[in-house]
Amino acid sequence: REQPYFRTFGARVSRPTTRFNMADSITLSWTWDQLVSSFQLLRTRDPDLVQWASECDPLALCLVLCAMFMVGCWYRSVVTDNYSQVDKLWSVAPVAYVWICYCYSGTNVRCLLVALLVTIWGVRLTYNFARKGGYNGEEDYRWPIVRTWMSPAVFQVFNVFFICIYQHVLLLLLVIPAWVAAVSPTAVGPVDIAAFGAFVGFFVLETKADQEQWAFQTEKYKRRGEGARLDGDYKRGFLTSGLFAFSRHPNFFAEQMMWWSLYLFCVGATGTIFHWTLVGPLLLSILFQGSTGMTEDITLGKYPEYAAYQKTTSRLVPWFPGKPLDDN
């Protein structure tokens, strides 16, 4: 991964693209069809399942949908030999889950707030993923590296249990606050308002960080393509200004904090600070620790000056910037 610019987007993309191509349309169509076909199957093949879906707990329905996503991603990864299928649903599946919960809740204000927040997160992340070529059929560049760590047979086990099962379970766990809100009779209070404000704040932070990285990478590839003179960060190959002067991964930090903010809705609904649903954001933070370390190792191998950047700038939590690299 070339700095936080590539979150889960294939490194084989030669330069950013701002428009969809035919491959984008086909792959994005498959992502949408996965969502729609499940409900069409229920409607046309088994009326009893339709009745069950309308009467069951929303969490049970989300679990069924989650299982369908797991199987679909596993099947497509094996058929295409592309193991980035979960990435295409990463910003879509949680949105489906929260609206299932809201439909069950009726007019629950807390559940509506959760659904709206997750939806704006999903729309923005889908756009960000698409403009970086996420739906063009490229595989996340990290999987070929991971494959070198194990035999093909072991990697297939890894694909089933980590890539397909673990990540989809994690996505469902992250939006469990919507289910807790749906079944909670308590009214919206100060904790919910604080959660809403915190989520929006971190959403703005991630949006700005991603845009800074996008603008930098776009200009970098443009200059390289034109054979123009490179200086500063463009010569180094990675961004150290703007928000990236305060954190090497401000977008990673904001992404995690949004889900911790969403957890506060569970606190507001239950009055319990340590609710079992904190397992979602906790597992996400653990996942980010591992993926961020791998990202930095790859970046350090490509750009020697990154070592100096690591010494002067906080890894995750924004902090006072150190001495600019140009002054070293």
Protein backbone atom coordinates (compact mmCIF):
# COMPACT_ATOMS: atom_id res chain seq x y z
CA ARG A 1 0.00 0.00 0.00
CA GLU A 2 1.37 3.38 -0.96
CA GLN A 3 0.66 5.28 2.21
CA PRO A 4 -2.91 5.67 3.53
CA TYR A 5 -4.00 6.68 0.02
CA PHE A 6 -4.54 3.03 -0.77
CA ARG A 7 -6.70 1.65 2.00
CA THR A 8 -7.91 -1.57 0.44
CA PHE A 9 -7.44 -0.66 -3.17
CA GLY A 10 -5.21 -2.68 -5.48
CA ALA A 11 -1.69 -1.40 -5.82
CA ARG A 12 -1.66 -2.46 -9.44
CA VAL A 13 -3.75 0.63 -10.26
CA SER A 14 -1.15 2.72 -12.06
CA ARG A 15 -2.69 6.08 -11.23
CA PRO A 16 -5.96 7.45 -9.82
CA THR A 17 -8.98 7.51 -12.05
CA THR A 18 -11.95 9.82 -11.72
CA ARG A 19 -14.44 7.97 -13.85
CA PHE A 20 -16.01 4.51 -14.04
CA ASN A 21 -15.12 2.16 -16.85
CA MET A 22 -17.00 -0.91 -18.04
CA ALA A 23 -15.26 -3.15 -15.50
CA ASP A 24 -16.35 -0.76 -12.74
CA SER A 25 -19.96 -1.04 -13.85
CA ILE A 26 -19.93 -4.83 -14.06
CA THR A 27 -18.34 -5.32 -10.65
CA LEU A 28 -20.48 -2.70 -8.93
CA SER A 29 -23.53 -4.30 -10.53
CA TRP A 30 -22.55 -7.64 -8.97
CA THR A 31 -22.27 -5.96 -5.54
CA TRP A 32 -25.78 -4.52 -5.86
CA ASP A 33 -27.21 -7.74 -7.28
CA GLN A 34 -25.95 -9.63 -4.24
CA LEU A 35 -28.09 -7.41 -2.04
CA VAL A 36 -31.19 -7.57 -4.21
CA SER A 37 -31.18 -11.23 -5.24
CA SER A 38 -31.50 -12.49 -1.67
CA PHE A 39 -34.79 -10.69 -1.20
CA GLN A 40 -36.04 -11.62 -4.66
CA LEU A 41 -35.37 -15.26 -3.86
CA LEU A 42 -37.40 -15.00 -0.68
CA ARG A 43 -40.26 -13.31 -2.45
CA THR A 44 -40.51 -15.63 -5.45
CA ARG A 45 -39.47 -19.01 -4.09
CA ASP A 46 -40.78 -19.39 -0.57
CA PRO A 47 -43.66 -17.32 0.87
CA ASP A 48 -43.04 -18.89 4.29
CA LEU A 49 -39.58 -17.31 4.37
CA VAL A 50 -41.10 -13.94 3.53
CA GLN A 51 -43.44 -14.32 6.48
CA TRP A 52 -40.53 -15.32 8.69
CA ALA A 53 -38.47 -12.35 7.55
CA SER A 54 -41.28 -9.94 8.37
CA GLU A 55 -41.78 -11.33 11.88
CA CYS A 56 -38.30 -12.34 13.08
CA ASP A 57 -35.87 -10.34 15.17
CA PRO A 58 -33.88 -7.98 12.87
CA LEU A 59 -30.63 -9.40 14.17
CA ALA A 60 -31.62 -12.85 12.92
CA LEU A 61 -32.38 -11.45 9.49
CA CYS A 62 -29.05 -9.61 9.45
CA LEU A 63 -27.28 -12.84 10.37
CA VAL A 64 -28.89 -14.62 7.43
CA LEU A 65 -27.88 -11.81 5.08
CA CYS A 66 -24.37 -11.82 6.54
CA ALA A 67 -24.08 -15.56 5.88
CA MET A 68 -25.17 -14.99 2.27
CA PHE A 69 -22.48 -12.34 1.86
CA MET A 70 -19.86 -14.72 3.26
CA VAL A 71 -20.77 -17.50 0.84
CA GLY A 72 -21.02 -15.10 -2.11
CA CYS A 73 -17.63 -13.52 -1.42
CA TRP A 74 -15.98 -16.90 -0.91
CA TYR A 75 -17.44 -18.31 -4.14
CA ARG A 76 -16.48 -15.27 -6.20
CA SER A 77 -12.96 -15.18 -4.74
CA VAL A 78 -12.37 -18.82 -5.72
CA VAL A 79 -13.86 -18.43 -9.19
CA THR A 80 -12.01 -15.20 -10.04
CA ASP A 81 -8.83 -15.82 -8.00
CA ASN A 82 -9.38 -12.32 -6.63
CA TYR A 83 -9.57 -12.17 -2.84
CA SER A 84 -10.77 -8.57 -2.50
CA GLN A 85 -14.47 -9.39 -2.72
CA VAL A 86 -15.26 -8.33 0.86
CA ASP A 87 -13.84 -4.89 0.10
CA LYS A 88 -16.61 -4.31 -2.43
CA LEU A 89 -19.24 -4.91 0.24
CA TRP A 90 -17.40 -3.19 3.08
CA SER A 91 -19.34 0.06 2.72
CA VAL A 92 -22.58 -1.58 1.52
CA ALA A 93 -23.40 -4.40 3.94
CA PRO A 94 -23.51 -2.23 7.11
CA VAL A 95 -25.98 0.12 5.44
CA ALA A 96 -28.29 -2.82 4.66
CA TYR A 97 -28.06 -4.05 8.26
CA VAL A 98 -28.95 -0.73 9.89
CA TRP A 99 -32.00 -0.15 7.71
CA ILE A 100 -33.27 -3.65 8.43
CA CYS A 101 -33.07 -2.75 12.11
CA TYR A 102 -34.80 0.58 11.58
CA CYS A 103 -37.65 -0.99 9.61
CA TYR A 104 -38.19 -3.30 12.58
CA SER A 105 -38.05 -0.45 15.11
CA GLY A 106 -40.83 1.61 13.52
CA THR A 107 -40.14 5.21 14.48
CA ASN A 108 -37.28 4.73 16.94
CA VAL A 109 -35.35 8.01 16.84
CA ARG A 110 -32.10 6.53 18.15
CA CYS A 111 -32.17 3.78 15.54
CA LEU A 112 -32.89 6.35 12.83
CA LEU A 113 -29.87 8.41 13.90
CA VAL A 114 -27.65 5.33 13.73
CA ALA A 115 -29.03 4.40 10.30
CA LEU A 116 -28.47 7.89 8.91
CA LEU A 117 -24.91 8.08 10.21
CA VAL A 118 -23.97 4.67 8.84
CA THR A 119 -25.57 5.57 5.51
CA ILE A 120 -23.57 8.77 5.01
CA TRP A 121 -20.45 6.83 6.01
CA GLY A 122 -21.30 4.12 3.46
CA VAL A 123 -22.07 6.54 0.63
CA ARG A 124 -18.83 8.46 1.12
CA LEU A 125 -16.67 5.36 1.48
CA THR A 126 -18.25 3.73 -1.58
CA TYR A 127 -17.47 6.85 -3.61
CA ASN A 128 -13.93 6.99 -2.25
CA PHE A 129 -13.42 3.29 -2.99
CA ALA A 130 -14.80 3.61 -6.51
CA ARG A 131 -12.77 6.66 -7.56
CA LYS A 132 -9.58 4.84 -6.56
CA GLY A 133 -10.43 1.92 -8.82
CA GLY A 134 -11.86 -0.36 -6.14
CA TYR A 135 -14.55 -1.78 -8.44
CA ASN A 136 -12.36 -2.31 -11.50
CA GLY A 137 -11.43 -5.90 -10.72
CA GLU A 138 -8.02 -5.20 -9.18
CA GLU A 139 -7.01 -7.26 -6.15
CA ASP A 140 -5.80 -5.67 -2.93
CA TYR A 141 -2.03 -5.66 -3.31
CA ARG A 142 -1.56 -7.07 0.20
CA TRP A 143 -3.06 -10.48 -0.58
CA PRO A 144 -0.26 -11.53 -2.97
CA ILE A 145 2.17 -10.66 -0.18
CA VAL A 146 0.19 -12.65 2.39
CA ARG A 147 0.13 -15.62 0.01
CA THR A 148 3.92 -15.79 0.18
CA TRP A 149 3.66 -16.41 3.91
CA MET A 150 1.79 -19.71 3.57
CA SER A 151 1.06 -22.62 1.27
CA PRO A 152 -1.85 -22.39 -1.21
CA ALA A 153 -3.91 -24.81 0.90
CA VAL A 154 -3.37 -22.81 4.08
CA PHE A 155 -4.22 -19.59 2.25
CA GLN A 156 -7.57 -21.06 1.20
CA VAL A 157 -8.31 -21.77 4.86
CA PHE A 158 -7.25 -18.20 5.63
CA ASN A 159 -9.58 -16.97 2.89
CA VAL A 160 -12.55 -18.81 4.37
CA PHE A 161 -12.07 -17.97 8.04
CA PHE A 162 -10.43 -14.54 7.99
CA ILE A 163 -11.19 -12.82 4.70
CA CYS A 164 -14.76 -14.06 4.25
CA ILE A 165 -16.07 -15.03 7.69
CA TYR A 166 -14.17 -12.83 10.14
CA GLN A 167 -14.47 -9.61 8.16
CA HIS A 168 -18.18 -10.05 7.50
CA VAL A 169 -18.85 -10.86 11.15
CA LEU A 170 -16.89 -7.73 12.06
CA LEU A 171 -19.02 -5.60 9.74
CA LEU A 172 -22.16 -6.90 11.42
CA LEU A 173 -20.74 -6.38 14.91
CA LEU A 174 -19.92 -2.76 14.09
CA VAL A 175 -23.57 -1.91 13.45
CA ILE A 176 -25.05 -3.86 16.38
CA PRO A 177 -25.85 -0.47 18.01
CA ALA A 178 -28.67 -0.19 15.45
CA TRP A 179 -30.17 -3.44 16.76
CA VAL A 180 -29.72 -2.36 20.39
CA ALA A 181 -31.47 0.92 19.55
CA ALA A 182 -34.26 -0.91 17.72
CA VAL A 183 -35.17 -3.02 20.75
CA SER A 184 -34.59 -0.31 23.37
CA PRO A 185 -37.56 1.66 24.74
CA THR A 186 -35.40 4.42 26.28
CA ALA A 187 -35.57 7.93 24.86
CA VAL A 188 -32.70 9.76 23.19
CA GLY A 189 -30.52 11.52 25.75
CA PRO A 190 -27.26 13.50 26.15
CA VAL A 191 -25.07 10.46 25.45
CA ASP A 192 -26.78 9.93 22.10
CA ILE A 193 -26.33 13.58 21.19
CA ALA A 194 -22.65 13.36 22.11
CA ALA A 195 -22.32 10.18 20.02
CA PHE A 196 -23.94 11.86 17.03
CA GLY A 197 -21.67 14.91 17.29
CA ALA A 198 -18.53 12.81 17.71
CA PHE A 199 -19.38 10.63 14.71
CA VAL A 200 -19.98 13.66 12.49
CA GLY A 201 -16.72 15.25 13.65
CA PHE A 202 -14.65 12.17 12.89
CA PHE A 203 -16.53 11.75 9.60
CA VAL A 204 -15.42 15.24 8.55
CA LEU A 205 -11.86 14.46 9.65
CA GLU A 206 -11.70 11.26 7.58
CA THR A 207 -13.25 12.97 4.57
CA LYS A 208 -10.67 15.76 4.68
CA ALA A 209 -7.77 13.32 5.16
CA ASP A 210 -8.88 11.14 2.26
CA GLN A 211 -9.32 14.19 0.03
CA GLU A 212 -5.86 15.49 0.90
CA GLN A 213 -4.36 12.12 0.05
CA TRP A 214 -6.39 11.87 -3.16
CA ALA A 215 -5.29 15.34 -4.32
CA PHE A 216 -1.66 14.56 -3.50
CA GLN A 217 -1.60 11.20 -5.26
CA THR A 218 -3.41 12.59 -8.31
CA GLU A 219 -0.90 15.41 -8.66
CA LYS A 220 2.04 13.08 -8.02
CA TYR A 221 1.02 10.69 -10.79
CA LYS A 222 0.29 13.63 -13.09
CA ARG A 223 3.77 15.06 -12.58
CA ARG A 224 5.39 11.69 -13.06
CA GLY A 225 3.43 11.13 -16.26
CA GLU A 226 4.46 14.51 -17.61
CA GLY A 227 8.08 14.05 -16.61
CA ALA A 228 7.88 17.21 -14.50
CA ARG A 229 10.34 18.08 -11.77
CA LEU A 230 9.52 16.49 -8.41
CA ASP A 231 10.31 18.16 -5.10
CA GLY A 232 9.22 17.96 -1.48
CA ASP A 233 6.61 15.31 -0.80
CA TYR A 234 6.27 14.58 -4.50
CA LYS A 235 9.94 13.61 -4.62
CA ARG A 236 9.68 11.61 -1.39
CA GLY A 237 6.58 9.84 -2.68
CA PHE A 238 4.36 10.26 0.37
CA LEU A 239 2.35 13.06 1.99
CA THR A 240 3.65 14.79 5.14
CA SER A 241 1.66 18.05 5.13
CA GLY A 242 -1.89 19.04 6.07
CA LEU A 243 -3.47 16.54 8.43
CA PHE A 244 -0.61 14.16 7.68
CA ALA A 245 1.73 16.48 9.55
CA PHE A 246 -0.12 15.57 12.75
CA SER A 247 -0.63 11.85 12.11
CA ARG A 248 0.78 9.37 9.62
CA HIS A 249 -2.70 7.87 9.29
CA PRO A 250 -5.35 10.47 10.24
CA ASN A 251 -7.97 8.69 8.12
CA PHE A 252 -7.32 5.39 9.90
CA PHE A 253 -7.69 7.15 13.25
CA ALA A 254 -10.96 8.82 12.23
CA GLU A 255 -12.39 5.57 10.83
CA GLN A 256 -11.86 3.75 14.10
CA MET A 257 -13.18 6.62 16.21
CA MET A 258 -16.41 6.80 14.18
CA TRP A 259 -17.25 3.24 15.21
CA TRP A 260 -16.32 3.90 18.84
CA SER A 261 -18.66 6.91 18.64
CA LEU A 262 -21.42 4.69 17.28
CA TYR A 263 -20.91 2.37 20.25
CA LEU A 264 -21.96 5.24 22.53
CA PHE A 265 -25.51 4.81 21.23
CA CYS A 266 -25.49 1.45 23.03
CA VAL A 267 -24.41 3.22 26.19
CA GLY A 268 -27.27 5.69 25.77
CA ALA A 269 -29.78 2.92 25.10
CA THR A 270 -28.74 0.62 27.96
CA GLY A 271 -27.18 2.95 30.53
CA THR A 272 -24.21 0.55 30.66
CA ILE A 273 -20.73 1.83 29.91
CA PHE A 274 -19.27 -1.60 29.21
CA HIS A 275 -21.79 -3.26 26.93
CA TRP A 276 -20.95 -6.48 25.09
CA THR A 277 -21.29 -4.69 21.75
CA LEU A 278 -17.96 -2.93 22.31
CA VAL A 279 -16.43 -6.10 20.82
CA GLY A 280 -17.09 -4.62 17.35
CA PRO A 281 -14.99 -1.45 17.56
CA LEU A 282 -12.44 -3.29 19.68
CA LEU A 283 -11.88 -5.94 17.00
CA LEU A 284 -11.73 -3.21 14.36
CA SER A 285 -9.00 -1.40 16.27
CA ILE A 286 -7.04 -4.64 16.61
CA LEU A 287 -7.42 -5.26 12.88
CA PHE A 288 -6.16 -1.76 12.10
CA GLN A 289 -3.09 -2.28 14.27
CA GLY A 290 -2.04 -5.25 12.17
CA SER A 291 -2.92 -3.76 8.78
CA THR A 292 -1.29 -0.42 9.60
CA GLY A 293 1.93 -2.17 10.57
CA MET A 294 1.95 -4.07 7.29
CA THR A 295 1.23 -0.87 5.37
CA GLU A 296 4.13 0.93 6.99
CA ASP A 297 6.55 -1.94 6.33
CA ILE A 298 5.66 -1.86 2.62
CA THR A 299 5.87 1.92 2.46
CA LEU A 300 9.24 1.94 4.22
CA GLY A 301 10.53 -0.57 1.67
CA LYS A 302 9.51 1.75 -1.18
CA TYR A 303 10.49 5.10 0.32
CA PRO A 304 13.63 5.26 2.53
CA GLU A 305 12.75 8.74 3.85
CA TYR A 306 9.63 7.29 5.45
CA ALA A 307 11.79 6.23 8.40
CA ALA A 308 12.46 9.89 9.22
CA TYR A 309 8.74 10.64 8.92
CA GLN A 310 8.03 7.84 11.41
CA LYS A 311 10.36 9.49 13.93
CA THR A 312 8.76 12.93 13.68
CA THR A 313 5.04 12.18 13.31
CA SER A 314 2.53 10.29 15.45
CA ARG A 315 1.53 6.94 13.99
CA LEU A 316 -2.22 7.22 14.57
CA VAL A 317 -3.52 9.73 17.13
CA PRO A 318 -3.03 13.31 15.85
CA TRP A 319 -0.31 15.06 17.82
CA PHE A 320 1.93 18.08 17.59
CA PRO A 321 4.03 17.79 14.43
CA GLY A 322 7.76 17.30 14.62
CA LYS A 323 10.46 18.98 12.56
CA PRO A 324 9.53 19.07 8.83
CA LEU A 325 11.53 16.60 6.76
CA ASP A 326 12.77 19.38 4.49
CA ASP A 327 14.52 20.90 7.53
CA ASN A 328 16.30 17.66 8.49
